Amino acid sequence: MPIRDQPAGCDCTTGGNPFRALALDAELERSFPQQPVTFLAGLLAPILMLFHLVGPVPADLGISNGALRTCQTTAHCASQTWESSNPTADFNRLSSLVRESPRTIVVDQSETYLHAEASSALFGFVDDLELFADSEKGQIQARSESRLGDSDLGVNATRLAELRSGLER
């Protein structure tokens, strides 16, 4: 038979102390203040970090009509074309730079095309990076686009600028 003022979960019939259980309840309440928004945000951030925000692989990656596709918006996409006297050598150098980049995995590569996935450090947002060596036109085309979100905060443009800088060294 339950004892009056017995805390929930206390089995006093087997020798549990209801007053100790009440003290533990009060201690837990002090440890976890009743601020649901802060508490939920504190729980949500680490959980989001565990689940990388990948998004679907775009179906239209690759070379079409001798070029990489254009960016629909510059808010989360960047593309550049670099003149090259030796596109094959420059492409090979860029390929090495991409492979050395942190959190970047080369998914597909041929003699003239590379597709890599670059993940952000905190939440693991995935960007698609493409390179194309166009020997006929003497140029390298580079494109980087975020899979999710409306803005990349300049990450894709910075990625391409770093590749260009590495190529010029």
C-alpha atoms as a PDB file:
ATOM      1  CA  MET A   1       0.000   0.000   0.000  1.00  0.00           C
ATOM      2  CA  PRO A   2       1.471   3.402  -0.977  1.00  0.00           C
ATOM      3  CA  ILE A   3       2.528   5.811   1.712  1.00  0.00           C
ATOM      4  CA  ARG A   4       1.087   9.336   1.655  1.00  0.00           C
ATOM      5  CA  ASP A   5       3.466  11.950   0.126  1.00  0.00           C
ATOM      6  CA  GLN A   6       5.535   9.177  -1.369  1.00  0.00           C
ATOM      7  CA  PRO A   7       7.561  10.398  -4.369  1.00  0.00           C
ATOM      8  CA  ALA A   8       6.835   8.774  -7.698  1.00  0.00           C
ATOM      9  CA  GLY A   9       8.997   5.758  -8.357  1.00  0.00           C
ATOM     10  CA  CYS A  10       9.751   5.067  -4.688  1.00  0.00           C
ATOM     11  CA  ASP A  11       9.018   1.508  -3.613  1.00  0.00           C
ATOM     12  CA  CYS A  12       8.714   2.010   0.141  1.00  0.00           C
ATOM     13  CA  THR A  13       7.437  -1.540   0.649  1.00  0.00           C
ATOM     14  CA  THR A  14      10.955  -2.846   0.026  1.00  0.00           C
ATOM     15  CA  GLY A  15      12.709  -0.479   2.411  1.00  0.00           C
ATOM     16  CA  GLY A  16      13.140   2.632   0.196  1.00  0.00           C
ATOM     17  CA  ASN A  17      13.280   5.900   2.078  1.00  0.00           C
ATOM     18  CA  PRO A  18      10.611   8.283   0.733  1.00  0.00           C
ATOM     19  CA  PHE A  19      12.265  11.324   2.306  1.00  0.00           C
ATOM     20  CA  ARG A  20      15.592  10.538   0.606  1.00  0.00           C
ATOM     21  CA  ALA A  21      13.737  10.201  -2.699  1.00  0.00           C
ATOM     22  CA  LEU A  22      12.093  13.615  -2.145  1.00  0.00           C
ATOM     23  CA  ALA A  23      15.538  15.116  -1.459  1.00  0.00           C
ATOM     24  CA  LEU A  24      16.870  13.590  -4.717  1.00  0.00           C
ATOM     25  CA  ASP A  25      13.901  15.006  -6.637  1.00  0.00           C
ATOM     26  CA  ALA A  26      14.654  18.487  -5.268  1.00  0.00           C
ATOM     27  CA  GLU A  27      18.366  18.103  -6.080  1.00  0.00           C
ATOM     28  CA  LEU A  28      17.588  17.086  -9.668  1.00  0.00           C
ATOM     29  CA  GLU A  29      15.233  20.039 -10.038  1.00  0.00           C
ATOM     30  CA  ARG A  30      18.044  22.407  -8.979  1.00  0.00           C
ATOM     31  CA  SER A  31      20.479  20.727 -11.380  1.00  0.00           C
ATOM     32  CA  PHE A  32      18.129  21.023 -14.359  1.00  0.00           C
ATOM     33  CA  PRO A  33      16.378  24.381 -14.159  1.00  0.00           C
ATOM     34  CA  GLN A  34      12.972  24.714 -15.715  1.00  0.00           C
ATOM     35  CA  GLN A  35      14.161  26.675 -18.768  1.00  0.00           C
ATOM     36  CA  PRO A  36      12.868  24.460 -21.571  1.00  0.00           C
ATOM     37  CA  VAL A  37      14.249  26.475 -24.497  1.00  0.00           C
ATOM     38  CA  THR A  38      17.793  26.576 -23.145  1.00  0.00           C
ATOM     39  CA  PHE A  39      17.607  22.967 -22.052  1.00  0.00           C
ATOM     40  CA  LEU A  40      16.304  21.804 -25.451  1.00  0.00           C
ATOM     41  CA  ALA A  41      18.885  23.855 -27.337  1.00  0.00           C
ATOM     42  CA  GLY A  42      21.589  22.336 -25.175  1.00  0.00           C
ATOM     43  CA  LEU A  43      20.368  18.883 -26.080  1.00  0.00           C
ATOM     44  CA  LEU A  44      19.728  19.623 -29.737  1.00  0.00           C
ATOM     45  CA  ALA A  45      23.149  21.026 -30.695  1.00  0.00           C
ATOM     46  CA  PRO A  46      25.161  17.903 -29.804  1.00  0.00           C
ATOM     47  CA  ILE A  47      22.559  15.683 -31.445  1.00  0.00           C
ATOM     48  CA  LEU A  48      22.771  17.693 -34.674  1.00  0.00           C
ATOM     49  CA  MET A  49      26.550  17.358 -34.594  1.00  0.00           C
ATOM     50  CA  LEU A  50      26.145  13.588 -34.542  1.00  0.00           C
ATOM     51  CA  PHE A  51      23.980  13.599 -37.651  1.00  0.00           C
ATOM     52  CA  HIS A  52      25.888  15.164 -40.498  1.00  0.00           C
ATOM     53  CA  LEU A  53      23.563  17.218 -42.647  1.00  0.00           C
ATOM     54  CA  VAL A  54      24.319  15.628 -45.972  1.00  0.00           C
ATOM     55  CA  GLY A  55      21.363  16.248 -48.286  1.00  0.00           C
ATOM     56  CA  PRO A  56      20.785  14.464 -51.596  1.00  0.00           C
ATOM     57  CA  VAL A  57      23.506  14.228 -54.235  1.00  0.00           C
ATOM     58  CA  PRO A  58      22.520  16.532 -57.118  1.00  0.00           C
ATOM     59  CA  ALA A  59      21.480  14.533 -60.178  1.00  0.00           C
ATOM     60  CA  ASP A  60      22.990  16.990 -62.649  1.00  0.00           C
ATOM     61  CA  LEU A  61      26.643  16.891 -61.581  1.00  0.00           C
ATOM     62  CA  GLY A  62      29.263  16.399 -64.260  1.00  0.00           C
ATOM     63  CA  ILE A  63      30.080  17.762 -67.671  1.00  0.00           C
ATOM     64  CA  SER A  64      27.270  18.758 -70.005  1.00  0.00           C
ATOM     65  CA  ASN A  65      27.934  20.282 -73.442  1.00  0.00           C
ATOM     66  CA  GLY A  66      31.639  20.615 -72.618  1.00  0.00           C
ATOM     67  CA  ALA A  67      31.178  22.500 -69.346  1.00  0.00           C
ATOM     68  CA  LEU A  68      30.184  22.228 -65.708  1.00  0.00           C
ATOM     69  CA  ARG A  69      26.690  23.504 -64.991  1.00  0.00           C
ATOM     70  CA  THR A  70      26.284  27.119 -64.019  1.00  0.00           C
ATOM     71  CA  CYS A  71      25.322  28.273 -60.538  1.00  0.00           C
ATOM     72  CA  GLN A  72      21.642  29.136 -60.188  1.00  0.00           C
ATOM     73  CA  THR A  73      22.463  31.509 -57.331  1.00  0.00           C
ATOM     74  CA  THR A  74      25.659  32.806 -55.775  1.00  0.00           C
ATOM     75  CA  ALA A  75      24.178  32.560 -52.277  1.00  0.00           C
ATOM     76  CA  HIS A  76      25.296  28.939 -51.895  1.00  0.00           C
ATOM     77  CA  CYS A  77      27.299  28.250 -55.068  1.00  0.00           C
ATOM     78  CA  ALA A  78      30.530  29.524 -56.612  1.00  0.00           C
ATOM     79  CA  SER A  79      32.105  28.836 -59.984  1.00  0.00           C
ATOM     80  CA  GLN A  80      35.263  30.073 -61.652  1.00  0.00           C
ATOM     81  CA  THR A  81      37.118  29.487 -64.902  1.00  0.00           C
ATOM     82  CA  TRP A  82      40.892  29.733 -64.903  1.00  0.00           C
ATOM     83  CA  GLU A  83      43.036  30.073 -68.005  1.00  0.00           C
ATOM     84  CA  SER A  84      45.724  27.392 -68.232  1.00  0.00           C
ATOM     85  CA  SER A  85      48.642  26.768 -70.572  1.00  0.00           C
ATOM     86  CA  ASN A  86      48.691  23.134 -69.404  1.00  0.00           C
ATOM     87  CA  PRO A  87      45.214  22.081 -68.193  1.00  0.00           C
ATOM     88  CA  THR A  88      46.252  18.464 -67.574  1.00  0.00           C
ATOM     89  CA  ALA A  89      49.145  19.396 -65.279  1.00  0.00           C
ATOM     90  CA  ASP A  90      47.070  22.036 -63.492  1.00  0.00           C
ATOM     91  CA  PHE A  91      44.198  19.573 -63.059  1.00  0.00           C
ATOM     92  CA  ASN A  92      46.568  17.013 -61.518  1.00  0.00           C
ATOM     93  CA  ARG A  93      47.909  19.656 -59.108  1.00  0.00           C
ATOM     94  CA  LEU A  94      44.365  20.695 -58.148  1.00  0.00           C
ATOM     95  CA  SER A  95      43.414  17.054 -57.669  1.00  0.00           C
ATOM     96  CA  SER A  96      46.280  16.664 -55.172  1.00  0.00           C
ATOM     97  CA  LEU A  97      45.204  19.823 -53.346  1.00  0.00           C
ATOM     98  CA  VAL A  98      41.635  18.534 -53.079  1.00  0.00           C
ATOM     99  CA  ARG A  99      42.818  15.178 -51.716  1.00  0.00           C
ATOM    100  CA  GLU A 100      44.896  17.003 -49.076  1.00  0.00           C
ATOM    101  CA  SER A 101      41.963  19.198 -48.006  1.00  0.00           C
ATOM    102  CA  PRO A 102      40.464  18.376 -44.586  1.00  0.00           C
ATOM    103  CA  ARG A 103      37.081  16.609 -44.500  1.00  0.00           C
ATOM    104  CA  THR A 104      37.123  16.200 -48.296  1.00  0.00           C
ATOM    105  CA  ILE A 105      36.543  12.918 -50.109  1.00  0.00           C
ATOM    106  CA  VAL A 106      37.021  12.422 -53.839  1.00  0.00           C
ATOM    107  CA  VAL A 107      33.926  10.578 -55.055  1.00  0.00           C
ATOM    108  CA  ASP A 108      34.621  10.398 -58.786  1.00  0.00           C
ATOM    109  CA  GLN A 109      37.631  11.204 -60.925  1.00  0.00           C
ATOM    110  CA  SER A 110      38.682  10.744 -64.534  1.00  0.00           C
ATOM    111  CA  GLU A 111      41.545  12.271 -66.510  1.00  0.00           C
ATOM    112  CA  THR A 112      39.661  15.557 -66.914  1.00  0.00           C
ATOM    113  CA  TYR A 113      36.895  15.578 -64.262  1.00  0.00           C
ATOM    114  CA  LEU A 114      36.818  15.414 -60.461  1.00  0.00           C
ATOM    115  CA  HIS A 115      33.865  15.352 -58.071  1.00  0.00           C
ATOM    116  CA  ALA A 116      34.561  15.631 -54.335  1.00  0.00           C
ATOM    117  CA  GLU A 117      32.411  16.060 -51.238  1.00  0.00           C
ATOM    118  CA  ALA A 118      33.643  18.573 -48.654  1.00  0.00           C
ATOM    119  CA  SER A 119      32.068  18.567 -45.172  1.00  0.00           C
ATOM    120  CA  SER A 120      31.951  21.461 -42.736  1.00  0.00           C
ATOM    121  CA  ALA A 121      33.692  20.946 -39.403  1.00  0.00           C
ATOM    122  CA  LEU A 122      30.834  21.645 -37.001  1.00  0.00           C
ATOM    123  CA  PHE A 123      27.620  20.257 -38.433  1.00  0.00           C
ATOM    124  CA  GLY A 124      28.975  18.278 -41.386  1.00  0.00           C
ATOM    125  CA  PHE A 125      27.132  20.202 -44.114  1.00  0.00           C
ATOM    126  CA  VAL A 126      28.214  18.693 -47.439  1.00  0.00           C
ATOM    127  CA  ASP A 127      29.284  20.737 -50.459  1.00  0.00           C
ATOM    128  CA  ASP A 128      29.899  19.300 -53.919  1.00  0.00           C
ATOM    129  CA  LEU A 129      33.175  20.380 -55.535  1.00  0.00           C
ATOM    130  CA  GLU A 130      33.738  19.808 -59.241  1.00  0.00           C
ATOM    131  CA  LEU A 131      36.791  20.424 -61.420  1.00  0.00           C
ATOM    132  CA  PHE A 132      37.015  20.064 -65.200  1.00  0.00           C
ATOM    133  CA  ALA A 133      40.172  20.347 -67.315  1.00  0.00           C
ATOM    134  CA  ASP A 134      39.156  21.647 -70.737  1.00  0.00           C
ATOM    135  CA  SER A 135      42.229  21.129 -72.934  1.00  0.00           C
ATOM    136  CA  GLU A 136      40.471  22.391 -76.063  1.00  0.00           C
ATOM    137  CA  LYS A 137      39.813  25.817 -74.528  1.00  0.00           C
ATOM    138  CA  GLY A 138      42.957  25.868 -72.366  1.00  0.00           C
ATOM    139  CA  GLN A 139      41.116  26.315 -69.083  1.00  0.00           C
ATOM    140  CA  ILE A 140      40.131  24.747 -65.787  1.00  0.00           C
ATOM    141  CA  GLN A 141      36.518  25.061 -64.658  1.00  0.00           C
ATOM    142  CA  ALA A 142      35.821  24.877 -60.927  1.00  0.00           C
ATOM    143  CA  ARG A 143      32.463  24.761 -59.176  1.00  0.00           C
ATOM    144  CA  SER A 144      31.470  24.329 -55.512  1.00  0.00           C
ATOM    145  CA  GLU A 145      27.873  24.221 -54.261  1.00  0.00           C
ATOM    146  CA  SER A 146      26.198  23.577 -50.916  1.00  0.00           C
ATOM    147  CA  ARG A 147      23.580  20.838 -50.908  1.00  0.00           C
ATOM    148  CA  LEU A 148      21.464  22.353 -48.130  1.00  0.00           C
ATOM    149  CA  GLY A 149      20.564  25.861 -47.062  1.00  0.00           C
ATOM    150  CA  ASP A 150      20.055  29.236 -48.662  1.00  0.00           C
ATOM    151  CA  SER A 151      23.495  30.647 -47.870  1.00  0.00           C
ATOM    152  CA  ASP A 152      26.969  29.201 -47.510  1.00  0.00           C
ATOM    153  CA  LEU A 153      28.405  32.325 -45.819  1.00  0.00           C
ATOM    154  CA  GLY A 154      31.075  32.488 -48.541  1.00  0.00           C
ATOM    155  CA  VAL A 155      32.497  29.014 -47.903  1.00  0.00           C
ATOM    156  CA  ASN A 156      32.313  27.849 -51.525  1.00  0.00           C
ATOM    157  CA  ALA A 157      33.925  30.995 -52.948  1.00  0.00           C
ATOM    158  CA  THR A 158      36.674  30.723 -50.317  1.00  0.00           C
ATOM    159  CA  ARG A 159      37.254  27.069 -51.232  1.00  0.00           C
ATOM    160  CA  LEU A 160      37.743  27.970 -54.893  1.00  0.00           C
ATOM    161  CA  ALA A 161      40.018  30.911 -54.000  1.00  0.00           C
ATOM    162  CA  GLU A 162      42.195  28.601 -51.888  1.00  0.00           C
ATOM    163  CA  LEU A 163      42.440  26.092 -54.746  1.00  0.00           C
ATOM    164  CA  ARG A 164      43.388  28.876 -57.159  1.00  0.00           C
ATOM    165  CA  SER A 165      45.997  30.158 -54.715  1.00  0.00           C
ATOM    166  CA  GLY A 166      47.414  26.650 -54.294  1.00  0.00           C
ATOM    167  CA  LEU A 167      47.612  26.274 -58.056  1.00  0.00           C
ATOM    168  CA  GLU A 168      49.595  29.503 -58.406  1.00  0.00           C
ATOM    169  CA  ARG A 169      52.250  28.484 -55.840  1.00  0.00           C
END
